[in-house]
C-alpha cells in the first residue's frame, strides 16, 4: 500500500499558471498586478474548500517595487525570486526540501522533471486550473467529492501487477486526487 503524506504543500509556478489560463492571461495583459491578484483570489477561495498549504512563486524581476520577497495574502504564501534568480530555481529548491510532501503546479518540463526527481507530485497548469474550477463548482452546489483514483480497482479477475501503474505514477495520482 502506498502511503501519502497528510499535509500537502502545493507549490505553484505563478506566471506559468497565469499565462496558461485564458481568464487570468487577459487580466495579466491589462496589468501584471491584476493577474497576480486574480490568481491569489482564486487560490484563497480554493483554500477555503481544501485546506492545503499553498505557495505561489513569481519571478522577482516583475515584483512590485514596494513588496517584500515573501508575503502572505489571504492565507496564500507569495514568494518572489531574488534579482537574477528565476522562479523555476526557487520552485526546484522548495521541491527538494519538501520532497514527497510537495505538489508542483507548472507546465514547464524542466521544473516538472526536477520536482519528480525529488518524489514530488506534479500537475500541469491547465489541469490544476480545472481542479480549481471543479472544486469551486462542487462547493457551490454543496457536493462532497473525494477522488480515490489510486490506479487500482479491486476485482475478482486476475490481472497481475503488470497492468498496474508504476508506483511513482500511483503516488502522483493519489496526491493530485486530493486537490
Protein backbone atom coordinates (compact mmCIF):
# COMPACT_ATOMS: atom_id res chain seq x y z
CA UNK A 1 0.00 0.00 0.00
CA UNK A 2 1.26 3.48 -0.87
CA UNK A 3 1.30 5.97 1.95
CA UNK A 4 0.53 9.57 1.05
CA UNK A 5 1.63 12.35 3.43
CA UNK A 6 -1.27 14.01 5.21
CA UNK A 7 -0.12 17.57 4.67
CA UNK A 8 0.18 18.55 1.05
CA UNK A 9 2.18 21.62 0.07
CA UNK A 10 1.08 22.97 -3.30
CA UNK A 11 3.91 24.93 -4.95
CA UNK A 12 2.72 26.96 -7.92
CA UNK A 13 4.73 28.47 -10.77
CA UNK A 14 2.72 31.71 -10.69
CA UNK A 15 3.33 33.28 -14.08
CA UNK A 16 3.20 29.86 -15.76
CA UNK A 17 -0.30 29.27 -14.37
CA UNK A 18 -1.44 32.80 -15.19
CA UNK A 19 -0.21 32.63 -18.77
CA UNK A 20 -1.73 29.16 -19.34
CA UNK A 21 -5.14 30.37 -18.16
CA UNK A 22 -7.34 32.22 -20.63
CA UNK A 23 -9.14 34.21 -17.90
CA UNK A 24 -6.00 35.13 -15.98
CA UNK A 25 -3.97 35.80 -19.14
CA UNK A 26 -6.39 38.54 -20.21
CA UNK A 27 -6.03 40.26 -16.83
CA UNK A 28 -2.25 39.83 -16.97
CA UNK A 29 -2.15 41.56 -20.36
CA UNK A 30 -4.05 44.54 -18.91
CA UNK A 31 -1.84 44.80 -15.82
CA UNK A 32 0.54 42.23 -14.35
CA UNK A 33 -0.67 43.04 -10.82
CA UNK A 34 -4.28 42.32 -11.84
CA UNK A 35 -3.25 38.83 -12.96
CA UNK A 36 -1.41 38.15 -9.70
CA UNK A 37 -4.31 39.43 -7.59
CA UNK A 38 -6.87 37.36 -9.52
CA UNK A 39 -4.72 34.23 -9.06
CA UNK A 40 -4.40 34.85 -5.31
CA UNK A 41 -8.18 35.36 -5.07
CA UNK A 42 -8.81 32.05 -6.89
CA UNK A 43 -6.37 30.22 -4.63
CA UNK A 44 -7.82 31.78 -1.46
CA UNK A 45 -11.29 30.58 -2.48
CA UNK A 46 -9.85 27.11 -3.14
CA UNK A 47 -8.05 27.10 0.21
CA UNK A 48 -11.37 27.62 2.00
CA UNK A 49 -12.57 24.37 0.39
CA UNK A 50 -9.34 22.35 0.63
CA UNK A 51 -7.03 23.50 3.44
CA UNK A 52 -3.72 22.61 1.78
CA UNK A 53 -0.67 24.80 2.28
CA UNK A 54 -0.23 26.86 -0.91
CA UNK A 55 2.83 28.80 -2.06
CA UNK A 56 2.91 30.81 -5.30
CA UNK A 57 6.33 31.64 -6.69
CA UNK A 58 6.82 34.57 -9.08
CA UNK A 59 9.90 35.87 -10.88
CA UNK A 60 11.37 38.74 -8.86
CA UNK A 61 12.08 40.80 -11.97
CA UNK A 62 8.37 41.68 -12.13
CA UNK A 63 7.92 42.15 -8.39
CA UNK A 64 6.19 45.32 -7.21
CA UNK A 65 8.78 47.82 -6.03
CA UNK A 66 7.36 48.12 -2.54
CA UNK A 67 6.85 44.39 -1.98
CA UNK A 68 8.82 42.05 0.18
CA UNK A 69 10.36 38.91 -1.25
CA UNK A 70 7.94 36.87 0.90
CA UNK A 71 4.38 37.73 1.76
CA UNK A 72 1.19 36.08 2.95
CA UNK A 73 -2.08 37.26 1.42
CA UNK A 74 -5.44 35.65 2.26
CA UNK A 75 -3.67 32.57 3.61
CA UNK A 76 -1.59 32.09 0.44
CA UNK A 77 2.21 32.33 0.70
CA UNK A 78 3.66 34.55 -2.04
CA UNK A 79 7.36 34.37 -2.91
CA UNK A 80 9.31 36.44 -5.39
CA UNK A 81 12.69 35.18 -6.56
CA UNK A 82 15.77 37.29 -5.88
CA UNK A 83 17.14 39.56 -8.61
CA UNK A 84 18.96 37.43 -11.17
CA UNK A 85 17.26 34.24 -9.92
CA UNK A 86 14.41 32.54 -11.77
CA UNK A 87 11.20 31.41 -10.08
CA UNK A 88 11.94 27.97 -11.55
CA UNK A 89 15.08 27.76 -9.41
CA UNK A 90 13.14 28.67 -6.27
CA UNK A 91 10.49 26.04 -7.08
CA UNK A 92 13.15 23.36 -7.62
CA UNK A 93 14.76 24.20 -4.25
CA UNK A 94 11.39 24.06 -2.50
CA UNK A 95 10.61 20.69 -4.12
CA UNK A 96 13.99 19.35 -2.99
CA UNK A 97 13.21 20.41 0.61
CA UNK A 98 9.59 19.23 0.69
CA UNK A 99 10.17 16.03 -1.34
CA UNK A 100 7.07 13.79 -1.25
CA UNK A 101 5.01 16.40 0.63
CA UNK A 102 5.11 18.73 -2.38
CA UNK A 103 2.79 19.00 -5.35
CA UNK A 104 4.29 21.24 -8.02
CA UNK A 105 1.99 23.07 -10.43
CA UNK A 106 3.76 24.02 -13.66
CA UNK A 107 3.73 23.27 -17.36
CA UNK A 108 7.49 23.85 -17.61
CA UNK A 109 9.05 20.48 -18.44
CA UNK A 110 12.32 21.25 -16.69
CA UNK A 111 10.52 22.18 -13.44
CA UNK A 112 8.30 19.09 -13.65
CA UNK A 113 11.25 16.77 -14.29
CA UNK A 114 13.26 18.27 -11.44
CA UNK A 115 10.35 18.07 -8.99
CA UNK A 116 9.59 14.48 -9.97
CA UNK A 117 13.22 13.54 -9.34
CA UNK A 118 12.66 14.56 -5.68
CA UNK A 119 9.49 12.39 -5.47
CA UNK A 120 7.26 15.47 -5.53
CA UNK A 121 3.95 15.06 -7.34
CA UNK A 122 3.37 17.25 -10.38
CA UNK A 123 0.38 18.58 -12.27
CA UNK A 124 0.22 20.82 -15.32
CA UNK A 125 -1.14 24.36 -15.00
CA UNK A 126 -4.26 23.73 -17.16
CA UNK A 127 -5.10 20.55 -15.20
CA UNK A 128 -4.73 22.40 -11.90
CA UNK A 129 -6.95 25.21 -13.15
CA UNK A 130 -9.60 22.59 -14.00
CA UNK A 131 -9.31 21.16 -10.47
CA UNK A 132 -9.76 24.67 -9.03
CA UNK A 133 -12.86 25.23 -11.14
CA UNK A 134 -14.29 21.80 -10.30
CA UNK A 135 -13.74 22.28 -6.56
CA UNK A 136 -15.41 25.70 -6.72
CA UNK A 137 -18.37 24.34 -8.69
CA UNK A 138 -18.84 21.37 -6.36
CA UNK A 139 -18.64 23.56 -3.30
CA UNK A 140 -21.21 25.95 -4.76
CA UNK A 141 -23.54 23.02 -5.44
CA UNK A 142 -22.88 21.51 -1.99
CA UNK A 143 -21.48 18.28 -3.41
CA UNK A 144 -18.93 16.31 -1.42
CA UNK A 145 -16.42 14.65 -3.69
CA UNK A 146 -13.41 12.60 -2.71
CA UNK A 147 -11.45 11.24 -5.65
CA UNK A 148 -9.92 7.90 -4.73
CA UNK A 149 -8.37 7.02 -8.08
CA UNK A 150 -5.32 5.06 -6.98
CA UNK A 151 -4.81 3.38 -10.35
CA UNK A 152 -6.02 0.05 -8.99
CA UNK A 153 -9.51 -1.32 -8.52
CA UNK A 154 -10.34 -4.48 -6.66
CA UNK A 155 -11.81 -7.19 -8.88
CA UNK A 156 -12.05 -10.96 -8.90
CA UNK A 157 -10.48 -11.06 -12.34
CA UNK A 158 -6.78 -11.85 -12.01
CA UNK A 159 -4.71 -9.31 -13.89
CA UNK A 160 -1.41 -9.37 -12.08
CA UNK A 161 0.80 -6.41 -11.31
CA UNK A 162 1.85 -5.75 -14.91
CA UNK A 163 -1.38 -3.84 -15.62
CA UNK A 164 -0.95 -1.71 -12.55
CA UNK A 165 0.51 1.76 -12.91
CA UNK A 166 4.08 2.17 -11.72
CA UNK A 167 4.40 3.09 -8.06
CA UNK A 168 5.57 6.63 -8.80
CA UNK A 169 2.56 7.29 -11.03
CA UNK A 170 0.14 5.82 -8.45
CA UNK A 171 1.65 8.07 -5.78
CA UNK A 172 1.26 11.09 -8.08
CA UNK A 173 -2.40 10.18 -8.72
CA UNK A 174 -3.11 9.91 -5.01
CA UNK A 175 -1.71 13.37 -4.38
CA UNK A 176 -3.45 15.05 -7.29
CA UNK A 177 -6.65 13.27 -6.24
CA UNK A 178 -6.56 15.28 -3.01
CA UNK A 179 -6.99 18.51 -4.96
